[in-house]
Amino acid sequence: MSQGLETPSESFVDRRSYDFTVAPPCVERRQFTNSHEGLSPDARELAVAIDSYKMRHRRRFITYEEMLSVVRSLGYHK
């Protein structure tokens, strides 16, 4: 009698065999916060650019070098 409990084989998803060329996963990858609410327009632009970078490169977290490249891609310089 299972009473609605899943067995390990029913809940396991083997992502190693997933074909990412068909449809890449569309999961938000936020490193700093769960939302962009309350951000200034410039900060929101940076947040969206960083999230887009992480989605393109399938990264959950980025390094300072990667963040610098995103900032520069937006046109900022020292």
C-alpha atoms as a PDB file:
ATOM      1  CA  MET A   1       0.000   0.000   0.000  1.00  0.00           C
ATOM      2  CA  SER A   2       1.820   3.155  -1.191  1.00  0.00           C
ATOM      3  CA  GLN A   3      -0.503   5.829   0.274  1.00  0.00           C
ATOM      4  CA  GLY A   4       0.670   8.380  -2.316  1.00  0.00           C
ATOM      5  CA  LEU A   5       4.384   8.091  -1.588  1.00  0.00           C
ATOM      6  CA  GLU A   6       6.696   7.969  -4.570  1.00  0.00           C
ATOM      7  CA  THR A   7       9.351   5.342  -4.864  1.00  0.00           C
ATOM      8  CA  PRO A   8      12.872   6.630  -5.587  1.00  0.00           C
ATOM      9  CA  SER A   9      12.640   5.445  -9.198  1.00  0.00           C
ATOM     10  CA  GLU A  10       9.399   7.405  -9.765  1.00  0.00           C
ATOM     11  CA  SER A  11      10.783  10.721  -8.460  1.00  0.00           C
ATOM     12  CA  PHE A  12      14.290  10.495  -9.962  1.00  0.00           C
ATOM     13  CA  VAL A  13      14.912  12.503 -13.142  1.00  0.00           C
ATOM     14  CA  ASP A  14      18.148  11.599 -14.920  1.00  0.00           C
ATOM     15  CA  ARG A  15      19.231  14.998 -16.294  1.00  0.00           C
ATOM     16  CA  ARG A  16      22.458  13.575 -17.708  1.00  0.00           C
ATOM     17  CA  SER A  17      20.558  12.106 -20.622  1.00  0.00           C
ATOM     18  CA  TYR A  18      18.402  15.206 -21.273  1.00  0.00           C
ATOM     19  CA  ASP A  19      18.793  16.637 -24.784  1.00  0.00           C
ATOM     20  CA  PHE A  20      19.413  20.369 -24.197  1.00  0.00           C
ATOM     21  CA  THR A  21      19.381  21.087 -27.950  1.00  0.00           C
ATOM     22  CA  VAL A  22      15.636  20.393 -28.037  1.00  0.00           C
ATOM     23  CA  ALA A  23      14.557  22.751 -25.257  1.00  0.00           C
ATOM     24  CA  PRO A  24      16.987  24.095 -22.676  1.00  0.00           C
ATOM     25  CA  PRO A  25      15.691  24.228 -19.129  1.00  0.00           C
ATOM     26  CA  CYS A  26      14.112  27.574 -18.297  1.00  0.00           C
ATOM     27  CA  VAL A  27      14.954  27.962 -14.648  1.00  0.00           C
ATOM     28  CA  GLU A  28      15.843  31.324 -13.179  1.00  0.00           C
ATOM     29  CA  ARG A  29      19.342  31.391 -11.789  1.00  0.00           C
ATOM     30  CA  ARG A  30      19.463  34.181  -9.248  1.00  0.00           C
ATOM     31  CA  GLN A  31      22.640  34.574  -7.251  1.00  0.00           C
ATOM     32  CA  PHE A  32      21.821  37.604  -5.126  1.00  0.00           C
ATOM     33  CA  THR A  33      18.077  37.787  -4.518  1.00  0.00           C
ATOM     34  CA  ASN A  34      14.793  36.133  -5.436  1.00  0.00           C
ATOM     35  CA  SER A  35      13.351  39.163  -7.198  1.00  0.00           C
ATOM     36  CA  HIS A  36      14.261  42.366  -8.999  1.00  0.00           C
ATOM     37  CA  GLU A  37      11.595  44.346  -7.143  1.00  0.00           C
ATOM     38  CA  GLY A  38      12.733  47.576  -5.580  1.00  0.00           C
ATOM     39  CA  LEU A  39      15.791  47.939  -7.822  1.00  0.00           C
ATOM     40  CA  SER A  40      16.605  51.124  -9.682  1.00  0.00           C
ATOM     41  CA  PRO A  41      16.331  50.892 -13.483  1.00  0.00           C
ATOM     42  CA  ASP A  42      20.136  50.607 -13.815  1.00  0.00           C
ATOM     43  CA  ALA A  43      20.371  47.903 -11.141  1.00  0.00           C
ATOM     44  CA  ARG A  44      17.487  46.009 -12.757  1.00  0.00           C
ATOM     45  CA  GLU A  45      19.269  46.163 -16.140  1.00  0.00           C
ATOM     46  CA  LEU A  46      22.405  44.700 -14.536  1.00  0.00           C
ATOM     47  CA  ALA A  47      20.405  41.995 -12.727  1.00  0.00           C
ATOM     48  CA  VAL A  48      18.643  40.950 -15.929  1.00  0.00           C
ATOM     49  CA  ALA A  49      21.959  40.920 -17.831  1.00  0.00           C
ATOM     50  CA  ILE A  50      23.585  38.726 -15.164  1.00  0.00           C
ATOM     51  CA  ASP A  51      20.592  36.358 -15.092  1.00  0.00           C
ATOM     52  CA  SER A  52      20.699  36.125 -18.910  1.00  0.00           C
ATOM     53  CA  TYR A  53      24.444  35.398 -18.831  1.00  0.00           C
ATOM     54  CA  LYS A  54      23.898  32.611 -16.303  1.00  0.00           C
ATOM     55  CA  MET A  55      21.081  31.079 -18.367  1.00  0.00           C
ATOM     56  CA  ARG A  56      23.165  31.171 -21.568  1.00  0.00           C
ATOM     57  CA  HIS A  57      26.168  29.573 -19.885  1.00  0.00           C
ATOM     58  CA  ARG A  58      24.190  27.246 -17.583  1.00  0.00           C
ATOM     59  CA  ARG A  59      25.780  28.685 -14.455  1.00  0.00           C
ATOM     60  CA  ARG A  60      24.165  29.037 -11.051  1.00  0.00           C
ATOM     61  CA  PHE A  61      26.871  31.353  -9.718  1.00  0.00           C
ATOM     62  CA  ILE A  62      29.357  33.514 -11.590  1.00  0.00           C
ATOM     63  CA  THR A  63      32.864  34.673 -10.801  1.00  0.00           C
ATOM     64  CA  TYR A  64      33.965  38.290 -10.453  1.00  0.00           C
ATOM     65  CA  GLU A  65      35.604  38.054 -13.889  1.00  0.00           C
ATOM     66  CA  GLU A  66      32.329  36.922 -15.439  1.00  0.00           C
ATOM     67  CA  MET A  67      30.454  39.705 -13.654  1.00  0.00           C
ATOM     68  CA  LEU A  68      32.973  42.229 -14.939  1.00  0.00           C
ATOM     69  CA  SER A  69      32.431  40.986 -18.497  1.00  0.00           C
ATOM     70  CA  VAL A  70      28.649  41.429 -18.078  1.00  0.00           C
ATOM     71  CA  VAL A  71      29.134  44.951 -16.698  1.00  0.00           C
ATOM     72  CA  ARG A  72      31.421  45.824 -19.610  1.00  0.00           C
ATOM     73  CA  SER A  73      28.924  44.358 -22.104  1.00  0.00           C
ATOM     74  CA  LEU A  74      26.438  46.929 -20.796  1.00  0.00           C
ATOM     75  CA  GLY A  75      28.884  49.700 -21.704  1.00  0.00           C
ATOM     76  CA  TYR A  76      30.319  50.502 -18.292  1.00  0.00           C
ATOM     77  CA  HIS A  77      34.035  51.241 -17.940  1.00  0.00           C
ATOM     78  CA  LYS A  78      36.423  52.533 -15.289  1.00  0.00           C
END
